[in-house]
Amino acid sequence: MILLVLDVGNTEIAAGLFENETLCADCRLHTEAKLTEDELYIYLTRFFSQQHIEMPDIDQTVISCVVPPIIRTLDAFCRKYLTHAPDWIGPDSVDMTICYRNPAEVGADRLVNAFAAYEKYRTSLVIIDFGTATTFDCISEQGEYLGGAIAPGIGISAEALFRHASKLPRVELFNPPASVIGKETSESMKAGLLYGYAELVDGMVRRIKREMEPPNPKVIATGGLASSIGEISESIEAVEPELTLEGLRLISKRFRAKGSG
């Protein structure tokens, strides 16, 4: 059984190949709203060939997508080159009570993260995803999706500094500086962005914990900068870099079960 999972975000597409339950490879592509199914085929063919996998070898495709303009391309790619329709993540895809007033508003990636994290930890949780936006998702001890919060992502903030302050350069956001007090401009920017977001995380978690019952949920992080912020945050307890891909794998079983029923 070979499974292809795609997590389509506003900035990147994360692709994962599972053979049975093992993630054998993953890659990331820039999200392009005008991408065609043929261009996607070219990009993914290289990825597949490195794993000695051909397009017809893919048995199932599961997609989480928060970029509506690219949905048609993804569907056309699957039908044309993989010869099957993809399974799409939505509110009914996860076996969880969703406490949002309108469950359809919850991003597919947030639902996948919530499902995967609860399947692993089976306790109340705060899940922080460092993507284009920084999201906080809250799960009750009974596995209910309670809701959460959304803040601008670190990359958005860094780009805003570069675009709106004429003397400030673009900076790499990995490897937090040793000191909060920077001795040069790029170091000062990194300190402000990374340590600043660590404080945002810790402050938000502190406030979230006051509202959750029981009041001490486990705090985990995922997404591109989860490891960097995890090093300096006082509240993040574990980093799960493959959480979304693993969640898509788990949900793929539910799709197969419905199909066989």
C-alpha atoms as a PDB file:
ATOM      1  CA  MET A   1       0.000   0.000   0.000  1.00  0.00           C
ATOM      2  CA  ILE A   2       1.569   3.288  -1.132  1.00  0.00           C
ATOM      3  CA  LEU A   3      -0.069   6.490   0.025  1.00  0.00           C
ATOM      4  CA  LEU A   4       0.601  10.037  -1.175  1.00  0.00           C
ATOM      5  CA  VAL A   5      -0.367  12.834   1.210  1.00  0.00           C
ATOM      6  CA  LEU A   6      -0.314  16.527   0.340  1.00  0.00           C
ATOM      7  CA  ASP A   7      -0.603  19.352   2.855  1.00  0.00           C
ATOM      8  CA  VAL A   8      -1.208  22.497   0.801  1.00  0.00           C
ATOM      9  CA  GLY A   9      -0.550  25.703   2.723  1.00  0.00           C
ATOM     10  CA  ASN A  10      -0.380  29.318   1.642  1.00  0.00           C
ATOM     11  CA  THR A  11       3.417  29.230   1.362  1.00  0.00           C
ATOM     12  CA  GLU A  12       4.381  25.580   0.816  1.00  0.00           C
ATOM     13  CA  ILE A  13       3.050  22.230  -0.313  1.00  0.00           C
ATOM     14  CA  ALA A  14       4.350  19.414   1.887  1.00  0.00           C
ATOM     15  CA  ALA A  15       4.255  16.022   0.169  1.00  0.00           C
ATOM     16  CA  GLY A  16       4.767  12.706   1.922  1.00  0.00           C
ATOM     17  CA  LEU A  17       5.011   9.150   0.640  1.00  0.00           C
ATOM     18  CA  PHE A  18       3.988   6.355   2.995  1.00  0.00           C
ATOM     19  CA  GLU A  19       4.607   2.702   2.358  1.00  0.00           C
ATOM     20  CA  ASN A  20       2.093   1.015   4.632  1.00  0.00           C
ATOM     21  CA  GLU A  21       2.579   2.997   7.880  1.00  0.00           C
ATOM     22  CA  THR A  22       6.137   4.202   7.281  1.00  0.00           C
ATOM     23  CA  LEU A  23       6.944   7.677   5.971  1.00  0.00           C
ATOM     24  CA  CYS A  24       9.576   6.779   3.390  1.00  0.00           C
ATOM     25  CA  ALA A  25      10.093  10.278   1.937  1.00  0.00           C
ATOM     26  CA  ASP A  26       8.853  13.834   2.077  1.00  0.00           C
ATOM     27  CA  CYS A  27       9.509  17.074   0.213  1.00  0.00           C
ATOM     28  CA  ARG A  28       8.308  20.664   0.040  1.00  0.00           C
ATOM     29  CA  LEU A  29       7.310  22.831  -2.939  1.00  0.00           C
ATOM     30  CA  HIS A  30       6.426  26.509  -3.114  1.00  0.00           C
ATOM     31  CA  THR A  31       2.664  27.002  -3.385  1.00  0.00           C
ATOM     32  CA  GLU A  32       1.799  28.653  -6.686  1.00  0.00           C
ATOM     33  CA  ALA A  33      -1.855  29.526  -7.262  1.00  0.00           C
ATOM     34  CA  LYS A  34      -1.353  29.357 -11.067  1.00  0.00           C
ATOM     35  CA  LEU A  35       0.364  25.951 -10.967  1.00  0.00           C
ATOM     36  CA  THR A  36      -0.991  23.529 -13.592  1.00  0.00           C
ATOM     37  CA  GLU A  37      -1.479  19.784 -13.184  1.00  0.00           C
ATOM     38  CA  ASP A  38       1.279  19.188 -15.746  1.00  0.00           C
ATOM     39  CA  GLU A  39       3.758  21.356 -13.829  1.00  0.00           C
ATOM     40  CA  LEU A  40       2.874  19.546 -10.605  1.00  0.00           C
ATOM     41  CA  TYR A  41       3.483  16.264 -12.418  1.00  0.00           C
ATOM     42  CA  ILE A  42       6.988  17.407 -13.402  1.00  0.00           C
ATOM     43  CA  TYR A  43       7.862  18.452  -9.846  1.00  0.00           C
ATOM     44  CA  LEU A  44       6.527  15.294  -8.210  1.00  0.00           C
ATOM     45  CA  THR A  45       7.939  12.916 -10.821  1.00  0.00           C
ATOM     46  CA  ARG A  46      11.450  13.868  -9.703  1.00  0.00           C
ATOM     47  CA  PHE A  47      10.469  13.290  -6.082  1.00  0.00           C
ATOM     48  CA  PHE A  48       8.901   9.911  -6.871  1.00  0.00           C
ATOM     49  CA  SER A  49      11.818   8.756  -9.020  1.00  0.00           C
ATOM     50  CA  GLN A  50      14.232   9.322  -6.139  1.00  0.00           C
ATOM     51  CA  GLN A  51      12.202   6.764  -4.193  1.00  0.00           C
ATOM     52  CA  HIS A  52      11.973   4.405  -7.202  1.00  0.00           C
ATOM     53  CA  ILE A  53       8.202   4.882  -7.294  1.00  0.00           C
ATOM     54  CA  GLU A  54       6.163   5.371 -10.455  1.00  0.00           C
ATOM     55  CA  MET A  55       2.896   7.300 -10.638  1.00  0.00           C
ATOM     56  CA  PRO A  56       0.796   4.106 -11.107  1.00  0.00           C
ATOM     57  CA  ASP A  57       2.272   2.752  -7.860  1.00  0.00           C
ATOM     58  CA  ILE A  58       0.280   5.275  -5.797  1.00  0.00           C
ATOM     59  CA  ASP A  59      -2.802   3.568  -4.369  1.00  0.00           C
ATOM     60  CA  GLN A  60      -4.408   6.520  -2.579  1.00  0.00           C
ATOM     61  CA  THR A  61      -3.986  10.297  -2.285  1.00  0.00           C
ATOM     62  CA  VAL A  62      -5.207  12.383   0.641  1.00  0.00           C
ATOM     63  CA  ILE A  63      -5.087  16.186   0.459  1.00  0.00           C
ATOM     64  CA  SER A  64      -5.396  18.917   3.048  1.00  0.00           C
ATOM     65  CA  CYS A  65      -5.716  22.269   1.296  1.00  0.00           C
ATOM     66  CA  VAL A  66      -6.287  25.836   2.524  1.00  0.00           C
ATOM     67  CA  VAL A  67      -5.701  27.465  -0.893  1.00  0.00           C
ATOM     68  CA  PRO A  68      -8.973  27.238  -2.894  1.00  0.00           C
ATOM     69  CA  PRO A  69      -7.507  28.418  -6.254  1.00  0.00           C
ATOM     70  CA  ILE A  70      -5.264  25.354  -6.450  1.00  0.00           C
ATOM     71  CA  ILE A  71      -7.948  22.731  -5.701  1.00  0.00           C
ATOM     72  CA  ARG A  72      -8.880  22.214  -9.355  1.00  0.00           C
ATOM     73  CA  THR A  73      -5.209  21.675 -10.276  1.00  0.00           C
ATOM     74  CA  LEU A  74      -4.719  19.098  -7.535  1.00  0.00           C
ATOM     75  CA  ASP A  75      -7.856  17.212  -8.503  1.00  0.00           C
ATOM     76  CA  ALA A  76      -6.905  17.238 -12.193  1.00  0.00           C
ATOM     77  CA  PHE A  77      -3.377  16.020 -11.377  1.00  0.00           C
ATOM     78  CA  CYS A  78      -4.677  13.057  -9.398  1.00  0.00           C
ATOM     79  CA  ARG A  79      -7.245  12.041 -11.979  1.00  0.00           C
ATOM     80  CA  LYS A  80      -4.912  12.501 -14.968  1.00  0.00           C
ATOM     81  CA  TYR A  81      -1.649  11.075 -13.653  1.00  0.00           C
ATOM     82  CA  LEU A  82      -2.563   8.890 -10.678  1.00  0.00           C
ATOM     83  CA  THR A  83      -5.824   7.643 -12.244  1.00  0.00           C
ATOM     84  CA  HIS A  84      -7.843   8.117  -9.075  1.00  0.00           C
ATOM     85  CA  ALA A  85      -9.702  10.939  -7.372  1.00  0.00           C
ATOM     86  CA  PRO A  86      -8.103  12.332  -4.206  1.00  0.00           C
ATOM     87  CA  ASP A  87      -9.680  12.228  -0.764  1.00  0.00           C
ATOM     88  CA  TRP A  88     -10.172  15.755   0.620  1.00  0.00           C
ATOM     89  CA  ILE A  89      -9.960  16.746   4.270  1.00  0.00           C
ATOM     90  CA  GLY A  90     -13.022  18.517   5.671  1.00  0.00           C
ATOM     91  CA  PRO A  91     -14.922  18.784   8.957  1.00  0.00           C
ATOM     92  CA  ASP A  92     -16.419  15.311   8.464  1.00  0.00           C
ATOM     93  CA  SER A  93     -13.031  13.678   7.858  1.00  0.00           C
ATOM     94  CA  VAL A  94     -11.951  13.615  11.501  1.00  0.00           C
ATOM     95  CA  ASP A  95     -13.637  11.690  14.280  1.00  0.00           C
ATOM     96  CA  MET A  96     -13.803  14.669  16.629  1.00  0.00           C
ATOM     97  CA  THR A  97     -16.461  16.979  17.995  1.00  0.00           C
ATOM     98  CA  ILE A  98     -15.701  20.423  16.523  1.00  0.00           C
ATOM     99  CA  CYS A  99     -16.833  23.237  18.829  1.00  0.00           C
ATOM    100  CA  TYR A 100     -16.391  26.052  16.302  1.00  0.00           C
ATOM    101  CA  ARG A 101     -19.666  27.854  15.620  1.00  0.00           C
ATOM    102  CA  ASN A 102     -19.167  26.978  11.948  1.00  0.00           C
ATOM    103  CA  PRO A 103     -16.974  23.835  11.675  1.00  0.00           C
ATOM    104  CA  ALA A 104     -16.411  24.508   7.960  1.00  0.00           C
ATOM    105  CA  GLU A 105     -14.313  27.555   8.898  1.00  0.00           C
ATOM    106  CA  VAL A 106     -11.604  25.484  10.574  1.00  0.00           C
ATOM    107  CA  GLY A 107      -8.577  25.054   8.305  1.00  0.00           C
ATOM    108  CA  ALA A 108      -8.092  21.500   7.078  1.00  0.00           C
ATOM    109  CA  ASP A 109      -4.505  21.449   8.331  1.00  0.00           C
ATOM    110  CA  ARG A 110      -5.647  22.457  11.830  1.00  0.00           C
ATOM    111  CA  LEU A 111      -8.126  19.568  11.932  1.00  0.00           C
ATOM    112  CA  VAL A 112      -5.473  17.123  10.759  1.00  0.00           C
ATOM    113  CA  ASN A 113      -3.011  18.326  13.411  1.00  0.00           C
ATOM    114  CA  ALA A 114      -5.659  18.067  16.113  1.00  0.00           C
ATOM    115  CA  PHE A 115      -6.623  14.547  15.107  1.00  0.00           C
ATOM    116  CA  ALA A 116      -3.024  13.324  14.868  1.00  0.00           C
ATOM    117  CA  ALA A 117      -1.959  14.886  18.154  1.00  0.00           C
ATOM    118  CA  TYR A 118      -4.904  13.496  20.092  1.00  0.00           C
ATOM    119  CA  GLU A 119      -4.415  10.029  18.589  1.00  0.00           C
ATOM    120  CA  LYS A 120      -0.835  10.074  19.880  1.00  0.00           C
ATOM    121  CA  TYR A 121      -1.193  11.716  23.295  1.00  0.00           C
ATOM    122  CA  ARG A 122      -4.812  11.056  24.359  1.00  0.00           C
ATOM    123  CA  THR A 123      -4.895  14.064  26.668  1.00  0.00           C
ATOM    124  CA  SER A 124      -5.801  17.746  26.545  1.00  0.00           C
ATOM    125  CA  LEU A 125      -3.519  19.635  24.186  1.00  0.00           C
ATOM    126  CA  VAL A 126      -2.426  22.975  22.818  1.00  0.00           C
ATOM    127  CA  ILE A 127      -0.999  22.531  19.305  1.00  0.00           C
ATOM    128  CA  ILE A 128       1.065  25.394  17.895  1.00  0.00           C
ATOM    129  CA  ASP A 129       1.715  25.341  14.155  1.00  0.00           C
ATOM    130  CA  PHE A 130       4.384  27.717  12.849  1.00  0.00           C
ATOM    131  CA  GLY A 131       3.313  28.205   9.244  1.00  0.00           C
ATOM    132  CA  THR A 132       2.348  31.237   7.183  1.00  0.00           C
ATOM    133  CA  ALA A 133       0.201  32.005  10.215  1.00  0.00           C
ATOM    134  CA  THR A 134       0.995  30.884  13.749  1.00  0.00           C
ATOM    135  CA  THR A 135      -2.026  28.926  14.946  1.00  0.00           C
ATOM    136  CA  PHE A 136      -2.982  27.677  18.392  1.00  0.00           C
ATOM    137  CA  ASP A 137      -5.429  24.762  18.489  1.00  0.00           C
ATOM    138  CA  CYS A 138      -6.979  23.547  21.733  1.00  0.00           C
ATOM    139  CA  ILE A 139      -8.125  19.970  22.339  1.00  0.00           C
ATOM    140  CA  SER A 140     -10.041  18.821  25.397  1.00  0.00           C
ATOM    141  CA  GLU A 141      -9.207  15.728  27.412  1.00  0.00           C
ATOM    142  CA  GLN A 142     -12.177  14.024  25.723  1.00  0.00           C
ATOM    143  CA  GLY A 143     -10.775  14.775  22.252  1.00  0.00           C
ATOM    144  CA  GLU A 144     -13.015  17.733  21.368  1.00  0.00           C
ATOM    145  CA  TYR A 145     -11.667  20.461  19.090  1.00  0.00           C
ATOM    146  CA  LEU A 146     -12.382  23.501  21.273  1.00  0.00           C
ATOM    147  CA  GLY A 147     -11.116  26.248  18.954  1.00  0.00           C
ATOM    148  CA  GLY A 148      -7.990  28.340  19.064  1.00  0.00           C
ATOM    149  CA  ALA A 149      -6.213  31.493  17.998  1.00  0.00           C
ATOM    150  CA  ILE A 150      -4.428  32.772  14.881  1.00  0.00           C
ATOM    151  CA  ALA A 151      -1.513  35.208  14.769  1.00  0.00           C
ATOM    152  CA  PRO A 152       0.677  36.410  11.871  1.00  0.00           C
ATOM    153  CA  GLY A 153       3.508  34.004  11.139  1.00  0.00           C
ATOM    154  CA  ILE A 154       7.109  34.856  11.886  1.00  0.00           C
ATOM    155  CA  GLY A 155       7.929  34.994   8.181  1.00  0.00           C
ATOM    156  CA  ILE A 156       5.173  37.551   7.572  1.00  0.00           C
ATOM    157  CA  SER A 157       6.522  39.740  10.369  1.00  0.00           C
ATOM    158  CA  ALA A 158      10.099  39.463   9.087  1.00  0.00           C
ATOM    159  CA  GLU A 159       9.002  40.361   5.542  1.00  0.00           C
ATOM    160  CA  ALA A 160       7.025  43.348   6.840  1.00  0.00           C
ATOM    161  CA  LEU A 161      10.148  44.668   8.594  1.00  0.00           C
ATOM    162  CA  PHE A 162      12.187  44.290   5.415  1.00  0.00           C
ATOM    163  CA  ARG A 163       9.553  45.961   3.199  1.00  0.00           C
ATOM    164  CA  HIS A 164       8.593  48.842   5.460  1.00  0.00           C
ATOM    165  CA  ALA A 165      11.899  49.763   7.102  1.00  0.00           C
ATOM    166  CA  SER A 166      14.321  50.853   4.397  1.00  0.00           C
ATOM    167  CA  LYS A 167      17.565  50.059   6.223  1.00  0.00           C
ATOM    168  CA  LEU A 168      16.591  46.659   7.585  1.00  0.00           C
ATOM    169  CA  PRO A 169      17.778  43.561   5.669  1.00  0.00           C
ATOM    170  CA  ARG A 170      16.138  40.187   5.184  1.00  0.00           C
ATOM    171  CA  VAL A 171      17.347  37.759   7.840  1.00  0.00           C
ATOM    172  CA  GLU A 172      17.405  33.978   8.215  1.00  0.00           C
ATOM    173  CA  LEU A 173      15.125  32.944  11.050  1.00  0.00           C
ATOM    174  CA  PHE A 174      16.879  29.776  12.164  1.00  0.00           C
ATOM    175  CA  ASN A 175      19.396  29.484  15.009  1.00  0.00           C
ATOM    176  CA  PRO A 176      18.300  32.006  17.673  1.00  0.00           C
ATOM    177  CA  PRO A 177      21.146  34.352  18.704  1.00  0.00           C
ATOM    178  CA  ALA A 178      22.810  33.612  22.033  1.00  0.00           C
ATOM    179  CA  SER A 179      21.744  36.963  23.467  1.00  0.00           C
ATOM    180  CA  VAL A 180      18.506  38.931  23.303  1.00  0.00           C
ATOM    181  CA  ILE A 181      20.635  42.086  23.120  1.00  0.00           C
ATOM    182  CA  GLY A 182      21.896  42.094  19.545  1.00  0.00           C
ATOM    183  CA  LYS A 183      25.230  43.716  18.628  1.00  0.00           C
ATOM    184  CA  GLU A 184      24.430  44.241  14.941  1.00  0.00           C
ATOM    185  CA  THR A 185      21.289  44.892  12.938  1.00  0.00           C
ATOM    186  CA  SER A 186      20.655  41.376  11.638  1.00  0.00           C
ATOM    187  CA  GLU A 187      21.321  39.907  15.083  1.00  0.00           C
ATOM    188  CA  SER A 188      18.953  42.426  16.671  1.00  0.00           C
ATOM    189  CA  MET A 189      16.229  41.548  14.155  1.00  0.00           C
ATOM    190  CA  LYS A 190      16.634  37.822  14.765  1.00  0.00           C
ATOM    191  CA  ALA A 191      16.494  38.393  18.511  1.00  0.00           C
ATOM    192  CA  GLY A 192      13.352  40.486  18.234  1.00  0.00           C
ATOM    193  CA  LEU A 193      11.594  38.083  15.904  1.00  0.00           C
ATOM    194  CA  LEU A 194      12.536  34.755  17.487  1.00  0.00           C
ATOM    195  CA  TYR A 195      12.566  35.699  21.157  1.00  0.00           C
ATOM    196  CA  GLY A 196       9.572  37.941  20.568  1.00  0.00           C
ATOM    197  CA  TYR A 197       7.580  35.064  19.092  1.00  0.00           C
ATOM    198  CA  ALA A 198       8.705  32.765  21.893  1.00  0.00           C
ATOM    199  CA  GLU A 199       7.192  35.257  24.329  1.00  0.00           C
ATOM    200  CA  LEU A 200       4.039  35.474  22.207  1.00  0.00           C
ATOM    201  CA  VAL A 201       3.774  31.685  22.391  1.00  0.00           C
ATOM    202  CA  ASP A 202       4.389  31.519  26.121  1.00  0.00           C
ATOM    203  CA  GLY A 203       1.958  34.355  26.814  1.00  0.00           C
ATOM    204  CA  MET A 204      -0.778  32.825  24.659  1.00  0.00           C
ATOM    205  CA  VAL A 205      -0.287  29.398  26.232  1.00  0.00           C
ATOM    206  CA  ARG A 206      -0.502  30.923  29.703  1.00  0.00           C
ATOM    207  CA  ARG A 207      -3.812  32.581  28.845  1.00  0.00           C
ATOM    208  CA  ILE A 208      -5.166  29.468  27.076  1.00  0.00           C
ATOM    209  CA  LYS A 209      -4.389  27.276  30.070  1.00  0.00           C
ATOM    210  CA  ARG A 210      -6.491  29.531  32.287  1.00  0.00           C
ATOM    211  CA  GLU A 211      -9.533  28.789  30.103  1.00  0.00           C
ATOM    212  CA  MET A 212      -9.037  25.049  29.599  1.00  0.00           C
ATOM    213  CA  GLU A 213     -10.227  22.247  31.860  1.00  0.00           C
ATOM    214  CA  PRO A 214      -8.168  20.532  33.132  1.00  0.00           C
ATOM    215  CA  PRO A 215      -5.850  23.556  33.319  1.00  0.00           C
ATOM    216  CA  ASN A 216      -2.599  21.859  32.301  1.00  0.00           C
ATOM    217  CA  PRO A 217      -2.789  20.670  28.675  1.00  0.00           C
ATOM    218  CA  LYS A 218       0.290  19.278  26.964  1.00  0.00           C
ATOM    219  CA  VAL A 219       1.837  21.838  24.603  1.00  0.00           C
ATOM    220  CA  ILE A 220       3.306  20.599  21.310  1.00  0.00           C
ATOM    221  CA  ALA A 221       4.601  22.432  18.253  1.00  0.00           C
ATOM    222  CA  THR A 222       4.872  21.685  14.549  1.00  0.00           C
ATOM    223  CA  GLY A 223       5.675  23.603  11.364  1.00  0.00           C
ATOM    224  CA  GLY A 224       8.794  25.106   9.846  1.00  0.00           C
ATOM    225  CA  LEU A 225      10.150  27.026  12.838  1.00  0.00           C
ATOM    226  CA  ALA A 226       8.853  24.750  15.579  1.00  0.00           C
ATOM    227  CA  SER A 227      12.332  23.475  16.475  1.00  0.00           C
ATOM    228  CA  SER A 228      13.868  26.968  16.630  1.00  0.00           C
ATOM    229  CA  ILE A 229      11.094  28.400  18.798  1.00  0.00           C
ATOM    230  CA  GLY A 230      10.940  25.180  20.817  1.00  0.00           C
ATOM    231  CA  GLU A 231      14.543  25.752  21.908  1.00  0.00           C
ATOM    232  CA  ILE A 232      13.734  29.098  23.530  1.00  0.00           C
ATOM    233  CA  SER A 233      10.076  28.791  24.494  1.00  0.00           C
ATOM    234  CA  GLU A 234       9.321  27.938  28.121  1.00  0.00           C
ATOM    235  CA  SER A 235       5.968  26.321  27.348  1.00  0.00           C
ATOM    236  CA  ILE A 236       6.577  23.999  24.357  1.00  0.00           C
ATOM    237  CA  GLU A 237       7.032  20.454  25.641  1.00  0.00           C
ATOM    238  CA  ALA A 238       7.508  18.525  22.399  1.00  0.00           C
ATOM    239  CA  VAL A 239       8.154  19.229  18.714  1.00  0.00           C
ATOM    240  CA  GLU A 240       6.389  17.025  16.146  1.00  0.00           C
ATOM    241  CA  PRO A 241       7.798  18.000  12.724  1.00  0.00           C
ATOM    242  CA  GLU A 242       5.765  15.419  10.762  1.00  0.00           C
ATOM    243  CA  LEU A 243       2.483  15.878  12.639  1.00  0.00           C
ATOM    244  CA  THR A 244       0.378  16.936   9.645  1.00  0.00           C
ATOM    245  CA  LEU A 245       1.695  14.238   7.331  1.00  0.00           C
ATOM    246  CA  GLU A 246       1.140  11.607  10.001  1.00  0.00           C
ATOM    247  CA  GLY A 247      -2.367  12.919  10.574  1.00  0.00           C
ATOM    248  CA  LEU A 248      -3.148  12.586   6.875  1.00  0.00           C
ATOM    249  CA  ARG A 249      -1.942   8.980   7.001  1.00  0.00           C
ATOM    250  CA  LEU A 250      -4.191   8.215   9.953  1.00  0.00           C
ATOM    251  CA  ILE A 251      -7.204   9.805   8.273  1.00  0.00           C
ATOM    252  CA  SER A 252      -6.508   7.870   5.054  1.00  0.00           C
ATOM    253  CA  LYS A 253      -7.623   4.727   6.909  1.00  0.00           C
ATOM    254  CA  ARG A 254     -11.037   6.275   7.550  1.00  0.00           C
ATOM    255  CA  PHE A 255     -11.446   7.078   3.865  1.00  0.00           C
ATOM    256  CA  ARG A 256     -10.523   3.505   2.920  1.00  0.00           C
ATOM    257  CA  ALA A 257     -12.931   2.098   5.487  1.00  0.00           C
ATOM    258  CA  LYS A 258     -15.780   4.211   4.099  1.00  0.00           C
ATOM    259  CA  GLY A 259     -14.900   3.122   0.575  1.00  0.00           C
ATOM    260  CA  SER A 260     -14.932  -0.550   1.482  1.00  0.00           C
ATOM    261  CA  GLY A 261     -18.232  -0.109   3.342  1.00  0.00           C
END
